[in-house]
Amino acid sequence: MKTVRFTLDDDLLGALNEAATDGQEPRGAVIRTALRAEVKRRRNAKLEETHRRSFQAQPDVEVWQPGVRAWDD
């Protein structure tokens, strides 16, 4: 595990302290949890954007256009 130093504004530090106190977790654990969630959110957003672009480049006409094919065909 590596140590990282960064600066927080007073409001964010207060919210962090409150979150850490409420859950009985150290601030570092709260920060790690939040960072993991944000990294996952960004990774998913990037994958969704890649999927969207690939679909625009070559849409699956049979599935996505209404009236082309019924689901029970």
N, C-alpha and C. Protein backbone atom coordinates (compact mmCIF):
# COMPACT_ATOMS: atom_id res chain seq x y z
N MET A 1 0.86 -1.17 0.00
CA MET A 1 0.00 0.00 0.00
C MET A 1 0.90 1.23 0.00
N LYS A 2 0.53 2.22 -0.76
CA LYS A 2 1.29 3.47 -0.88
C LYS A 2 0.56 4.59 -0.16
N THR A 3 1.32 5.55 0.31
CA THR A 3 0.75 6.74 0.94
C THR A 3 0.64 7.84 -0.11
N VAL A 4 -0.52 8.51 -0.15
CA VAL A 4 -0.76 9.60 -1.08
C VAL A 4 -1.16 10.83 -0.27
N ARG A 5 -0.57 11.96 -0.60
CA ARG A 5 -0.92 13.20 0.10
C ARG A 5 -1.67 14.11 -0.85
N PHE A 6 -2.75 14.69 -0.36
CA PHE A 6 -3.52 15.63 -1.16
C PHE A 6 -4.23 16.60 -0.24
N THR A 7 -4.76 17.65 -0.81
CA THR A 7 -5.42 18.71 -0.06
C THR A 7 -6.92 18.64 -0.27
N LEU A 8 -7.66 18.83 0.82
CA LEU A 8 -9.13 18.88 0.76
C LEU A 8 -9.59 20.23 1.29
N ASP A 9 -10.68 20.74 0.71
CA ASP A 9 -11.23 21.97 1.27
C ASP A 9 -11.94 21.63 2.58
N ASP A 10 -12.20 22.65 3.37
CA ASP A 10 -12.76 22.44 4.72
C ASP A 10 -14.10 21.72 4.69
N ASP A 11 -14.96 22.06 3.73
CA ASP A 11 -16.28 21.42 3.65
C ASP A 11 -16.16 19.93 3.36
N LEU A 12 -15.29 19.60 2.43
CA LEU A 12 -15.12 18.19 2.07
C LEU A 12 -14.47 17.42 3.23
N LEU A 13 -13.52 18.02 3.89
CA LEU A 13 -12.90 17.37 5.03
C LEU A 13 -13.92 17.14 6.15
N GLY A 14 -14.79 18.11 6.38
CA GLY A 14 -15.85 17.96 7.38
C GLY A 14 -16.79 16.82 7.02
N ALA A 15 -17.16 16.73 5.74
CA ALA A 15 -18.04 15.65 5.29
C ALA A 15 -17.34 14.30 5.43
N LEU A 16 -16.06 14.26 5.13
CA LEU A 16 -15.28 13.03 5.27
C LEU A 16 -15.22 12.60 6.73
N ASN A 17 -14.94 13.55 7.61
CA ASN A 17 -14.89 13.23 9.04
C ASN A 17 -16.23 12.72 9.54
N GLU A 18 -17.30 13.33 9.06
CA GLU A 18 -18.65 12.90 9.46
C GLU A 18 -18.95 11.49 8.95
N ALA A 19 -18.58 11.22 7.71
CA ALA A 19 -18.80 9.89 7.14
C ALA A 19 -17.98 8.84 7.87
N ALA A 20 -16.76 9.19 8.23
CA ALA A 20 -15.90 8.25 8.93
C ALA A 20 -16.43 7.98 10.33
N THR A 21 -16.95 8.98 11.00
CA THR A 21 -17.48 8.82 12.35
C THR A 21 -18.77 8.00 12.33
N ASP A 22 -19.64 8.28 11.35
CA ASP A 22 -20.92 7.56 11.26
C ASP A 22 -20.73 6.06 11.07
N GLY A 23 -19.80 5.69 10.22
CA GLY A 23 -19.61 4.28 9.91
C GLY A 23 -18.55 3.61 10.75
N GLN A 24 -17.95 4.35 11.66
CA GLN A 24 -16.88 3.82 12.51
C GLN A 24 -15.71 3.30 11.69
N GLU A 25 -15.45 3.93 10.56
CA GLU A 25 -14.31 3.57 9.72
C GLU A 25 -13.30 4.71 9.76
N PRO A 26 -12.04 4.39 9.61
CA PRO A 26 -11.04 5.46 9.50
C PRO A 26 -11.25 6.25 8.20
N ARG A 27 -10.79 7.49 8.21
CA ARG A 27 -10.95 8.32 7.01
C ARG A 27 -10.35 7.66 5.78
N GLY A 28 -9.20 7.03 5.93
CA GLY A 28 -8.55 6.38 4.79
C GLY A 28 -9.43 5.32 4.16
N ALA A 29 -10.15 4.57 4.99
CA ALA A 29 -11.04 3.53 4.47
C ALA A 29 -12.20 4.16 3.70
N VAL A 30 -12.73 5.26 4.21
CA VAL A 30 -13.82 5.96 3.52
C VAL A 30 -13.33 6.48 2.17
N ILE A 31 -12.14 7.05 2.15
CA ILE A 31 -11.57 7.58 0.91
C ILE A 31 -11.33 6.45 -0.09
N ARG A 32 -10.76 5.34 0.36
CA ARG A 32 -10.52 4.21 -0.54
C ARG A 32 -11.82 3.69 -1.15
N THR A 33 -12.86 3.57 -0.32
CA THR A 33 -14.15 3.11 -0.81
C THR A 33 -14.71 4.06 -1.87
N ALA A 34 -14.62 5.36 -1.60
CA ALA A 34 -15.12 6.36 -2.54
C ALA A 34 -14.32 6.34 -3.85
N LEU A 35 -13.00 6.21 -3.74
CA LEU A 35 -12.17 6.18 -4.94
C LEU A 35 -12.44 4.93 -5.77
N ARG A 36 -12.60 3.81 -5.13
CA ARG A 36 -12.93 2.58 -5.87
C ARG A 36 -14.24 2.74 -6.63
N ALA A 37 -15.24 3.31 -5.97
CA ALA A 37 -16.55 3.52 -6.62
C ALA A 37 -16.42 4.47 -7.81
N GLU A 38 -15.64 5.52 -7.66
CA GLU A 38 -15.48 6.49 -8.76
C GLU A 38 -14.70 5.89 -9.92
N VAL A 39 -13.65 5.14 -9.62
CA VAL A 39 -12.88 4.49 -10.69
C VAL A 39 -13.77 3.50 -11.45
N LYS A 40 -14.57 2.74 -10.72
CA LYS A 40 -15.49 1.78 -11.35
C LYS A 40 -16.52 2.52 -12.20
N ARG A 41 -17.06 3.63 -11.69
CA ARG A 41 -18.05 4.41 -12.44
C ARG A 41 -17.45 4.92 -13.74
N ARG A 42 -16.23 5.43 -13.67
CA ARG A 42 -15.58 5.95 -14.87
C ARG A 42 -15.26 4.85 -15.87
N ARG A 43 -14.81 3.70 -15.37
CA ARG A 43 -14.50 2.57 -16.24
C ARG A 43 -15.78 2.12 -16.96
N ASN A 44 -16.88 2.01 -16.21
CA ASN A 44 -18.15 1.61 -16.81
C ASN A 44 -18.64 2.62 -17.84
N ALA A 45 -18.47 3.91 -17.53
CA ALA A 45 -18.89 4.95 -18.48
C ALA A 45 -18.08 4.85 -19.77
N LYS A 46 -16.80 4.56 -19.64
CA LYS A 46 -15.95 4.42 -20.83
C LYS A 46 -16.38 3.21 -21.65
N LEU A 47 -16.67 2.09 -20.99
CA LEU A 47 -17.12 0.89 -21.69
C LEU A 47 -18.47 1.13 -22.37
N GLU A 48 -19.37 1.83 -21.69
CA GLU A 48 -20.68 2.14 -22.29
C GLU A 48 -20.53 3.03 -23.51
N GLU A 49 -19.61 3.99 -23.44
CA GLU A 49 -19.37 4.88 -24.58
C GLU A 49 -18.78 4.09 -25.75
N THR A 50 -17.87 3.19 -25.47
CA THR A 50 -17.30 2.34 -26.52
C THR A 50 -18.39 1.49 -27.16
N HIS A 51 -19.28 0.93 -26.35
CA HIS A 51 -20.38 0.12 -26.87
C HIS A 51 -21.31 0.97 -27.72
N ARG A 52 -21.63 2.17 -27.23
CA ARG A 52 -22.52 3.06 -27.97
C ARG A 52 -21.93 3.40 -29.34
N ARG A 53 -20.64 3.71 -29.36
CA ARG A 53 -19.99 4.07 -30.63
C ARG A 53 -19.96 2.88 -31.58
N SER A 54 -19.68 1.71 -31.07
CA SER A 54 -19.63 0.54 -31.95
C SER A 54 -21.02 0.23 -32.50
N PHE A 55 -22.05 0.42 -31.69
CA PHE A 55 -23.42 0.20 -32.16
C PHE A 55 -23.79 1.22 -33.24
N GLN A 56 -23.36 2.46 -33.06
CA GLN A 56 -23.65 3.48 -34.07
C GLN A 56 -22.95 3.15 -35.38
N ALA A 57 -21.75 2.61 -35.28
CA ALA A 57 -21.00 2.27 -36.48
C ALA A 57 -21.62 1.09 -37.23
N GLN A 58 -22.17 0.13 -36.48
CA GLN A 58 -22.77 -1.06 -37.09
C GLN A 58 -23.94 -1.53 -36.24
N PRO A 59 -25.10 -0.89 -36.39
CA PRO A 59 -26.26 -1.25 -35.56
C PRO A 59 -26.77 -2.65 -35.87
N ASP A 60 -27.31 -3.26 -34.86
CA ASP A 60 -27.94 -4.57 -34.99
C ASP A 60 -29.39 -4.33 -35.40
N VAL A 61 -29.63 -4.26 -36.68
CA VAL A 61 -30.93 -3.87 -37.23
C VAL A 61 -32.03 -4.82 -36.76
N GLU A 62 -31.75 -6.10 -36.71
CA GLU A 62 -32.78 -7.07 -36.38
C GLU A 62 -33.31 -6.91 -34.96
N VAL A 63 -32.48 -6.47 -34.06
CA VAL A 63 -32.89 -6.38 -32.66
C VAL A 63 -33.42 -4.99 -32.32
N TRP A 64 -32.80 -3.97 -32.83
CA TRP A 64 -33.05 -2.62 -32.32
C TRP A 64 -34.05 -1.80 -33.11
N GLN A 65 -34.39 -2.16 -34.32
CA GLN A 65 -35.35 -1.35 -35.07
C GLN A 65 -36.73 -1.97 -34.96
N PRO A 66 -37.68 -1.20 -34.46
CA PRO A 66 -39.04 -1.72 -34.31
C PRO A 66 -39.63 -2.15 -35.65
N GLY A 67 -40.37 -3.24 -35.63
CA GLY A 67 -41.06 -3.70 -36.81
C GLY A 67 -40.23 -4.52 -37.75
N VAL A 68 -38.93 -4.61 -37.54
CA VAL A 68 -38.08 -5.38 -38.45
C VAL A 68 -38.25 -6.86 -38.15
N ARG A 69 -38.28 -7.20 -36.87
CA ARG A 69 -38.42 -8.60 -36.49
C ARG A 69 -39.12 -8.69 -35.15
N ALA A 70 -40.11 -9.52 -35.04
CA ALA A 70 -40.81 -9.72 -33.77
C ALA A 70 -39.99 -10.66 -32.92
N TRP A 71 -40.08 -10.51 -31.61
CA TRP A 71 -39.30 -11.34 -30.69
C TRP A 71 -39.68 -12.80 -30.77
N ASP A 72 -40.91 -13.12 -31.16
CA ASP A 72 -41.31 -14.52 -31.19
C ASP A 72 -41.10 -15.18 -32.55
N ASP A 73 -40.44 -14.51 -33.47
CA ASP A 73 -40.15 -15.09 -34.80
C ASP A 73 -39.20 -16.26 -34.67
